[in-house]
Amino acid sequence: MRTCKLLVAPALGLAFAASLAHAQTAEIAATVTDQQGRPVADAVLIAIPVDGNLRSPQRPREGSVDQVDKEFFPRVTVVQLGASVTFPNHDDVRHQVYSFSSAKRFELPLYAGVPAQPIVFDKPGVVVLGCNIHDWMVGYVYVSESPFFAKTGKDGKAVLAELPPRAYVVRVWHPQLEMSEDATHKTIDVSRDRRIEAAWTVKLKQEVRVRRAPTSERGGTRY
């Protein structure tokens, strides 16, 4: 009985500490709409502490960009600097994923299934994904220098959660953003109010995409 008490006490202490730490965090509830007032999905929000403290107790979470129905899914993925990302192919055809973006240049040779090694994203910025076989496939990996980020859903809403209470500069990015990312900056202080609602109206460009083509046969191999 005494042994059980000795084991339970530290566990309760850790749970209490975790609960207290969570209670001391803040959040920013964000809404992003376009110039017509419509909700913007897949908008990335990045919060940078004004004091420059980007330390996080957690390691960057791994990401995954799937390939389904000859499209990248999700279309926009957000990861922290230093995170690794896998590119599983769940189609019944092979893909050849690549990027020429300055934030990360890479190429995965023609494959099916899951590549043996994930890609590590070691520079901040936007990485545009493509497929050498299917020209219409376009995806994006946003590599954040900050551990505090979120992505909007179809309703244009996202929550930057578990923020240490302090002031932040929050910015927005989207693949069709016509204005500069810097022009979206807002300074938001959550050191007193632990939940603050903030809204952005962004101007978007019309999306131009390559028209999908039917599956082709090349040298007897289905792509």
Protein backbone atom coordinates (compact mmCIF):
# COMPACT_ATOMS: atom_id res chain seq x y z
CA MET A 1 0.00 0.00 0.00
CA ARG A 2 2.81 2.37 0.86
CA THR A 3 4.50 1.66 -2.48
CA CYS A 4 1.30 2.52 -4.33
CA LYS A 5 1.06 5.82 -2.48
CA LEU A 6 4.65 6.65 -3.35
CA LEU A 7 3.96 5.98 -7.04
CA VAL A 8 0.65 7.84 -7.17
CA ALA A 9 1.90 11.03 -5.51
CA PRO A 10 4.48 11.95 -8.22
CA ALA A 11 1.94 11.14 -10.95
CA LEU A 12 -0.63 13.44 -9.38
CA GLY A 13 2.02 16.13 -9.04
CA LEU A 14 2.91 15.90 -12.74
CA ALA A 15 -0.75 16.00 -13.76
CA PHE A 16 -1.34 19.05 -11.58
CA ALA A 17 1.72 20.81 -13.02
CA ALA A 18 0.59 20.07 -16.58
CA SER A 19 -2.93 21.34 -15.79
CA LEU A 20 -1.52 24.49 -14.21
CA ALA A 21 0.77 25.14 -17.19
CA HIS A 22 -2.18 24.76 -19.58
CA ALA A 23 -4.27 27.14 -17.46
CA GLN A 24 -1.52 29.75 -17.74
CA THR A 25 -1.53 29.74 -21.54
CA ALA A 26 -3.52 31.98 -23.86
CA GLU A 27 -5.06 31.76 -27.31
CA ILE A 28 -5.87 33.88 -30.32
CA ALA A 29 -9.08 33.01 -32.16
CA ALA A 30 -8.50 34.11 -35.76
CA THR A 31 -10.88 34.64 -38.66
CA VAL A 32 -9.67 35.18 -42.23
CA THR A 33 -11.94 36.41 -45.02
CA ASP A 34 -11.27 37.55 -48.58
CA GLN A 35 -12.12 40.84 -50.28
CA GLN A 36 -15.70 39.62 -50.86
CA GLY A 37 -16.15 38.70 -47.22
CA ARG A 38 -15.97 34.95 -47.89
CA PRO A 39 -14.14 32.66 -45.44
CA VAL A 40 -10.64 31.68 -46.53
CA ALA A 41 -9.59 28.08 -46.01
CA ASP A 42 -5.94 26.96 -45.84
CA ALA A 43 -4.71 30.34 -44.58
CA VAL A 44 -1.61 29.94 -42.40
CA LEU A 45 -1.26 32.04 -39.25
CA ILE A 46 2.15 32.46 -37.62
CA ALA A 47 2.62 34.09 -34.20
CA ILE A 48 6.06 35.48 -33.35
CA PRO A 49 6.66 36.63 -29.75
CA VAL A 50 7.58 40.31 -29.66
CA ASP A 51 10.36 39.48 -27.19
CA GLY A 52 11.85 37.06 -29.70
CA ASN A 53 11.55 34.01 -27.44
CA LEU A 54 10.82 31.11 -29.79
CA ARG A 55 11.88 28.36 -27.43
CA SER A 56 9.48 25.44 -27.22
CA PRO A 57 9.64 22.47 -24.84
CA GLN A 58 8.40 20.19 -27.61
CA ARG A 59 10.26 18.83 -30.59
CA PRO A 60 8.87 19.78 -34.01
CA ARG A 61 6.00 17.46 -34.89
CA GLU A 62 6.37 15.29 -37.97
CA GLY A 63 4.17 16.09 -40.94
CA SER A 64 2.61 14.07 -43.72
CA VAL A 65 1.52 15.04 -47.23
CA ASP A 66 -0.54 12.29 -48.81
CA GLN A 67 -1.27 11.70 -52.47
CA VAL A 68 -4.88 10.77 -53.12
CA ASP A 69 -6.74 10.83 -56.45
CA LYS A 70 -3.65 12.40 -58.03
CA GLU A 71 -3.74 15.39 -55.69
CA PHE A 72 -1.68 16.43 -52.67
CA PHE A 73 -3.63 16.12 -49.44
CA PRO A 74 -3.71 18.32 -47.55
CA ARG A 75 -3.09 20.99 -50.13
CA VAL A 76 -1.38 23.18 -47.50
CA THR A 77 0.71 21.71 -44.69
CA VAL A 78 2.32 23.72 -41.89
CA VAL A 79 5.34 22.42 -39.98
CA GLN A 80 7.88 23.91 -37.63
CA LEU A 81 11.44 24.47 -38.72
CA GLY A 82 13.38 21.21 -38.43
CA ALA A 83 10.36 18.94 -38.84
CA SER A 84 10.43 15.88 -41.08
CA VAL A 85 7.62 15.18 -43.53
CA THR A 86 6.64 11.92 -45.20
CA PHE A 87 4.98 11.72 -48.62
CA PRO A 88 2.89 8.52 -48.73
CA ASN A 89 1.35 7.62 -52.07
CA HIS A 90 -2.09 6.03 -51.70
CA ASP A 91 -2.89 6.14 -55.40
CA ASP A 92 -2.70 3.10 -57.64
CA VAL A 93 -0.26 4.99 -59.88
CA ARG A 94 3.27 6.18 -59.18
CA HIS A 95 4.27 9.77 -58.42
CA GLN A 96 7.54 11.68 -58.58
CA VAL A 97 7.34 14.47 -55.99
CA TYR A 98 9.75 17.40 -56.20
CA SER A 99 10.30 21.02 -55.23
CA PHE A 100 12.57 23.71 -56.67
CA SER A 101 11.77 26.18 -53.88
CA SER A 102 14.71 27.93 -52.21
CA ALA A 103 13.45 26.88 -48.77
CA LYS A 104 13.86 23.21 -49.77
CA ARG A 105 14.96 21.60 -53.01
CA PHE A 106 14.37 17.87 -53.28
CA GLU A 107 13.13 15.11 -55.56
CA LEU A 108 11.65 11.73 -54.71
CA PRO A 109 12.21 9.28 -57.59
CA LEU A 110 9.14 7.66 -59.13
CA TYR A 111 7.53 5.58 -56.39
CA ALA A 112 4.46 3.95 -54.88
CA GLY A 113 3.75 3.41 -51.21
CA VAL A 114 5.86 5.31 -48.68
CA PRO A 115 9.43 6.50 -49.39
CA ALA A 116 11.99 5.03 -47.01
CA GLN A 117 13.23 8.41 -45.76
CA PRO A 118 11.17 11.50 -44.84
CA ILE A 119 12.24 14.96 -45.98
CA VAL A 120 13.61 17.28 -43.28
CA PHE A 121 12.62 20.94 -43.75
CA ASP A 122 15.54 22.90 -42.34
CA LYS A 123 14.86 26.40 -43.71
CA PRO A 124 11.86 28.64 -43.05
CA GLY A 125 9.67 29.66 -45.95
CA VAL A 126 7.20 28.31 -48.49
CA VAL A 127 7.95 25.08 -50.33
CA VAL A 128 5.89 24.49 -53.48
CA LEU A 129 5.34 20.82 -54.31
CA GLY A 130 4.88 19.33 -57.75
CA CYS A 131 4.82 15.97 -59.50
CA ASN A 132 6.89 15.34 -62.62
CA ILE A 133 4.27 12.91 -63.90
CA HIS A 134 1.07 14.82 -63.12
CA ASP A 135 1.52 18.52 -63.90
CA TRP A 136 -1.72 19.62 -62.24
CA MET A 137 -0.63 18.37 -58.81
CA VAL A 138 0.37 21.37 -56.67
CA GLY A 139 0.82 21.46 -52.91
CA TYR A 140 2.50 23.67 -50.32
CA VAL A 141 4.54 23.14 -47.18
CA TYR A 142 4.86 26.25 -45.03
CA VAL A 143 7.92 25.94 -42.79
CA SER A 144 7.42 28.16 -39.74
CA GLU A 145 10.30 29.57 -37.72
CA SER A 146 7.88 29.72 -34.79
CA PRO A 147 6.28 26.84 -32.88
CA PHE A 148 3.07 28.89 -32.68
CA PHE A 149 1.02 28.41 -35.84
CA ALA A 150 -2.38 27.30 -37.11
CA LYS A 151 -4.28 26.81 -40.36
CA THR A 152 -7.84 27.89 -41.11
CA GLY A 153 -10.60 25.43 -41.95
CA LYS A 154 -13.39 25.85 -44.49
CA ASP A 155 -15.04 28.38 -42.17
CA GLY A 156 -11.97 30.62 -42.30
CA LYS A 157 -11.32 30.14 -38.59
CA ALA A 158 -8.30 28.90 -36.65
CA VAL A 159 -7.07 29.05 -33.08
CA LEU A 160 -3.48 29.78 -32.10
CA ALA A 161 -3.58 27.83 -28.85
CA GLU A 162 -1.32 27.20 -25.84
CA LEU A 163 0.48 30.51 -26.25
CA PRO A 164 2.67 31.71 -23.36
CA PRO A 165 1.02 34.97 -22.19
CA ARG A 166 2.89 37.79 -23.94
CA ALA A 167 2.66 40.03 -27.00
CA TYR A 168 2.86 38.51 -30.48
CA VAL A 169 3.17 39.69 -34.04
CA VAL A 170 0.77 37.55 -36.05
CA ARG A 171 0.89 37.29 -39.82
CA VAL A 172 -1.11 35.45 -42.50
CA TRP A 173 -0.04 33.54 -45.60
CA HIS A 174 -2.09 31.89 -48.32
CA PRO A 175 -1.11 30.41 -51.72
CA GLN A 176 -3.23 33.02 -53.52
CA LEU A 177 -2.31 35.98 -51.33
CA GLU A 178 -2.02 39.09 -53.53
CA MET A 179 -0.66 41.37 -50.81
CA SER A 180 2.70 40.75 -49.17
CA GLU A 181 2.77 38.53 -46.09
CA ASP A 182 4.40 41.40 -44.18
CA ALA A 183 1.37 43.58 -44.90
CA THR A 184 -0.83 41.23 -42.84
CA HIS A 185 1.04 41.80 -39.54
CA LYS A 186 -1.00 42.48 -36.40
CA THR A 187 0.42 42.93 -32.90
CA ILE A 188 -1.74 41.10 -30.36
CA ASP A 189 -1.08 41.07 -26.62
CA VAL A 190 -2.44 38.10 -24.67
CA SER A 191 -0.50 38.78 -21.48
CA ARG A 192 -3.70 39.92 -19.70
CA ASP A 193 -6.69 38.73 -21.72
CA ARG A 194 -6.12 35.01 -22.22
CA ARG A 195 -8.40 34.79 -25.27
CA ILE A 196 -8.50 37.43 -27.95
CA GLU A 197 -10.42 37.36 -31.22
CA ALA A 198 -8.74 38.84 -34.27
CA ALA A 199 -9.86 39.16 -37.89
CA TRP A 200 -8.01 39.58 -41.18
CA THR A 201 -9.34 40.58 -44.57
CA VAL A 202 -6.92 39.54 -47.30
CA LYS A 203 -6.92 40.10 -51.03
CA LEU A 204 -6.57 36.89 -53.02
CA LYS A 205 -5.53 36.31 -56.60
CA GLN A 206 -7.54 34.04 -58.84
CA GLU A 207 -6.15 30.53 -58.75
CA VAL A 208 -4.66 29.27 -62.00
CA ARG A 209 -4.26 25.51 -62.20
CA VAL A 210 -3.14 23.13 -64.94
CA ARG A 211 -6.06 21.13 -66.28
CA ARG A 212 -6.12 17.52 -65.20
CA ALA A 213 -5.32 14.91 -67.83
CA PRO A 214 -6.42 11.26 -68.02
CA THR A 215 -3.99 8.53 -66.91
CA SER A 216 -1.49 7.73 -69.64
CA GLU A 217 0.42 4.62 -70.57
CA ARG A 218 4.14 5.14 -71.07
CA GLY A 219 6.16 2.20 -72.32
CA GLY A 220 3.60 -0.24 -70.95
CA THR A 221 3.87 1.22 -67.42
CA ARG A 222 0.84 2.85 -65.87
CA TYR A 223 1.53 6.31 -64.40
